[in-house]
Amino acid sequence: MATASKQVPNGPDWIHEVKHDGYRTLIIRENERARLLSRSGTDRTKRYPWIAQAALKNRQKRFVIDGEAVILGVDGLSDFNALHSHKHDHESPALRVRHSRDGQ
């Protein structure tokens, strides 16, 4: 889990990323099946079917992507309330990728 800080640490042992406010999501592709799981293990595939469909279009048949499903506003900032409210369900949320590993 990330930790908030008032100052950015310096040095070669530190990496930084922008904190997007969304739902942590694992995309698991196994051959012709793609699943989306929350951090607690809840299946989110039906909630974001367009993300699962995009995963199935990837030429790799097996992989795991650790990311964050977010709705980005016109200002480029994530809007958790928009994502949580379901008012944008007809739109595709962005997926910010944290880490991916080829499963082959």
C-alpha atoms as a PDB file:
ATOM      1  CA  MET A   1       0.000   0.000   0.000  1.00  0.00           C
ATOM      2  CA  ALA A   2       1.164   3.497  -0.787  1.00  0.00           C
ATOM      3  CA  THR A   3       1.988   5.926   1.992  1.00  0.00           C
ATOM      4  CA  ALA A   4       1.248   9.648   1.779  1.00  0.00           C
ATOM      5  CA  SER A   5       4.147  12.012   2.364  1.00  0.00           C
ATOM      6  CA  LYS A   6       4.643  15.766   2.394  1.00  0.00           C
ATOM      7  CA  GLN A   7       8.036  15.483   0.659  1.00  0.00           C
ATOM      8  CA  VAL A   8       9.219  13.306  -2.194  1.00  0.00           C
ATOM      9  CA  PRO A   9      12.184  11.167  -1.065  1.00  0.00           C
ATOM     10  CA  ASN A  10      15.385  11.465  -3.063  1.00  0.00           C
ATOM     11  CA  GLY A  11      17.810   8.779  -4.154  1.00  0.00           C
ATOM     12  CA  PRO A  12      18.191   5.758  -6.429  1.00  0.00           C
ATOM     13  CA  ASP A  13      16.171   3.461  -4.142  1.00  0.00           C
ATOM     14  CA  TRP A  14      12.936   5.408  -4.681  1.00  0.00           C
ATOM     15  CA  ILE A  15      10.410   5.310  -7.510  1.00  0.00           C
ATOM     16  CA  HIS A  16       7.279   7.430  -7.731  1.00  0.00           C
ATOM     17  CA  GLU A  17       3.939   7.240  -9.468  1.00  0.00           C
ATOM     18  CA  VAL A  18       0.903   9.490  -9.790  1.00  0.00           C
ATOM     19  CA  LYS A  19      -1.892   8.410  -7.444  1.00  0.00           C
ATOM     20  CA  HIS A  20      -5.034   7.858  -9.482  1.00  0.00           C
ATOM     21  CA  ASP A  21      -8.204   7.474  -7.447  1.00  0.00           C
ATOM     22  CA  GLY A  22     -10.019   4.389  -8.727  1.00  0.00           C
ATOM     23  CA  TYR A  23     -10.435   0.671  -8.204  1.00  0.00           C
ATOM     24  CA  ARG A  24      -7.360  -1.528  -8.035  1.00  0.00           C
ATOM     25  CA  THR A  25      -7.938  -4.195 -10.672  1.00  0.00           C
ATOM     26  CA  LEU A  26      -6.135  -7.337 -11.763  1.00  0.00           C
ATOM     27  CA  ILE A  27      -6.726  -8.452 -15.333  1.00  0.00           C
ATOM     28  CA  ILE A  28      -6.051 -12.150 -15.742  1.00  0.00           C
ATOM     29  CA  ARG A  29      -5.961 -13.513 -19.280  1.00  0.00           C
ATOM     30  CA  GLU A  30      -5.934 -17.301 -19.662  1.00  0.00           C
ATOM     31  CA  ASN A  31      -6.319 -18.328 -23.294  1.00  0.00           C
ATOM     32  CA  GLU A  32      -9.874 -17.331 -24.359  1.00  0.00           C
ATOM     33  CA  ARG A  33     -10.930 -16.099 -20.914  1.00  0.00           C
ATOM     34  CA  ALA A  34     -10.260 -12.727 -19.292  1.00  0.00           C
ATOM     35  CA  ARG A  35     -11.215 -11.943 -15.695  1.00  0.00           C
ATOM     36  CA  LEU A  36     -11.050  -8.740 -13.690  1.00  0.00           C
ATOM     37  CA  LEU A  37     -10.570  -9.071  -9.954  1.00  0.00           C
ATOM     38  CA  SER A  38     -10.620  -6.457  -7.208  1.00  0.00           C
ATOM     39  CA  ARG A  39      -7.956  -6.353  -4.507  1.00  0.00           C
ATOM     40  CA  SER A  40     -10.318  -8.326  -2.232  1.00  0.00           C
ATOM     41  CA  GLY A  41     -10.880 -10.961  -4.941  1.00  0.00           C
ATOM     42  CA  THR A  42     -14.325  -9.783  -6.071  1.00  0.00           C
ATOM     43  CA  ASP A  43     -14.965 -10.577  -9.736  1.00  0.00           C
ATOM     44  CA  ARG A  44     -15.395  -7.231 -11.569  1.00  0.00           C
ATOM     45  CA  THR A  45     -15.571  -8.691 -15.111  1.00  0.00           C
ATOM     46  CA  LYS A  46     -19.271  -7.919 -15.573  1.00  0.00           C
ATOM     47  CA  ARG A  47     -18.786  -4.418 -14.149  1.00  0.00           C
ATOM     48  CA  TYR A  48     -16.148  -3.512 -16.773  1.00  0.00           C
ATOM     49  CA  PRO A  49     -16.731  -5.868 -19.721  1.00  0.00           C
ATOM     50  CA  TRP A  50     -14.955  -3.547 -22.180  1.00  0.00           C
ATOM     51  CA  ILE A  51     -11.697  -3.982 -20.238  1.00  0.00           C
ATOM     52  CA  ALA A  52     -12.061  -7.777 -20.426  1.00  0.00           C
ATOM     53  CA  GLN A  53     -12.825  -7.498 -24.163  1.00  0.00           C
ATOM     54  CA  ALA A  54      -9.712  -5.367 -24.685  1.00  0.00           C
ATOM     55  CA  ALA A  55      -7.625  -7.981 -22.853  1.00  0.00           C
ATOM     56  CA  LEU A  56      -8.939 -10.662 -25.225  1.00  0.00           C
ATOM     57  CA  LYS A  57      -7.734  -8.609 -28.213  1.00  0.00           C
ATOM     58  CA  ASN A  58      -4.139  -8.771 -26.975  1.00  0.00           C
ATOM     59  CA  ARG A  59      -2.051 -11.265 -28.938  1.00  0.00           C
ATOM     60  CA  GLN A  60      -0.614 -12.710 -25.722  1.00  0.00           C
ATOM     61  CA  LYS A  61      -2.800 -15.602 -24.548  1.00  0.00           C
ATOM     62  CA  ARG A  62      -1.696 -15.593 -20.905  1.00  0.00           C
ATOM     63  CA  PHE A  63      -0.873 -12.597 -18.736  1.00  0.00           C
ATOM     64  CA  VAL A  64      -1.680 -10.704 -15.566  1.00  0.00           C
ATOM     65  CA  ILE A  65      -1.969  -6.922 -15.445  1.00  0.00           C
ATOM     66  CA  ASP A  66      -2.116  -5.096 -12.125  1.00  0.00           C
ATOM     67  CA  GLY A  67      -3.794  -1.740 -12.654  1.00  0.00           C
ATOM     68  CA  GLU A  68      -6.246   0.897 -11.525  1.00  0.00           C
ATOM     69  CA  ALA A  69      -9.624   1.393 -13.259  1.00  0.00           C
ATOM     70  CA  VAL A  70     -10.306   5.134 -13.282  1.00  0.00           C
ATOM     71  CA  ILE A  71     -12.523   7.712 -14.955  1.00  0.00           C
ATOM     72  CA  LEU A  72     -10.438  10.653 -16.161  1.00  0.00           C
ATOM     73  CA  GLY A  73     -11.995  14.096 -16.362  1.00  0.00           C
ATOM     74  CA  VAL A  74     -11.279  16.586 -19.126  1.00  0.00           C
ATOM     75  CA  ASP A  75      -8.514  17.947 -16.876  1.00  0.00           C
ATOM     76  CA  GLY A  76      -6.819  14.527 -16.897  1.00  0.00           C
ATOM     77  CA  LEU A  77      -7.441  13.967 -13.188  1.00  0.00           C
ATOM     78  CA  SER A  78      -9.179  10.841 -11.936  1.00  0.00           C
ATOM     79  CA  ASP A  79     -12.743  11.247 -10.642  1.00  0.00           C
ATOM     80  CA  PHE A  80     -13.545   8.531  -8.106  1.00  0.00           C
ATOM     81  CA  ASN A  81     -17.093   9.812  -7.534  1.00  0.00           C
ATOM     82  CA  ALA A  82     -17.855   9.423 -11.247  1.00  0.00           C
ATOM     83  CA  LEU A  83     -16.474   5.880 -11.227  1.00  0.00           C
ATOM     84  CA  HIS A  84     -18.282   4.904  -8.027  1.00  0.00           C
ATOM     85  CA  SER A  85     -21.635   6.461  -9.004  1.00  0.00           C
ATOM     86  CA  HIS A  86     -22.048   4.265 -12.107  1.00  0.00           C
ATOM     87  CA  LYS A  87     -23.181   7.355 -14.058  1.00  0.00           C
ATOM     88  CA  HIS A  88     -20.480   6.701 -16.670  1.00  0.00           C
ATOM     89  CA  ASP A  89     -21.080   2.959 -17.076  1.00  0.00           C
ATOM     90  CA  HIS A  90     -21.748   3.450 -20.788  1.00  0.00           C
ATOM     91  CA  GLU A  91     -18.248   4.915 -21.165  1.00  0.00           C
ATOM     92  CA  SER A  92     -14.934   3.085 -20.996  1.00  0.00           C
ATOM     93  CA  PRO A  93     -12.850   3.887 -17.941  1.00  0.00           C
ATOM     94  CA  ALA A  94      -9.123   4.174 -18.299  1.00  0.00           C
ATOM     95  CA  LEU A  95      -6.884   1.514 -16.863  1.00  0.00           C
ATOM     96  CA  ARG A  96      -3.639   2.707 -15.402  1.00  0.00           C
ATOM     97  CA  VAL A  97      -1.213  -0.210 -15.477  1.00  0.00           C
ATOM     98  CA  ARG A  98       0.967  -0.771 -12.413  1.00  0.00           C
ATOM     99  CA  HIS A  99       2.771  -3.923 -13.469  1.00  0.00           C
ATOM    100  CA  SER A 100       2.371  -6.659 -16.022  1.00  0.00           C
ATOM    101  CA  ARG A 101       4.023 -10.009 -16.339  1.00  0.00           C
ATOM    102  CA  ASP A 102       3.884 -12.281 -19.348  1.00  0.00           C
ATOM    103  CA  GLY A 103       2.349 -15.568 -18.195  1.00  0.00           C
ATOM    104  CA  GLN A 104       4.105 -17.778 -20.748  1.00  0.00           C
END
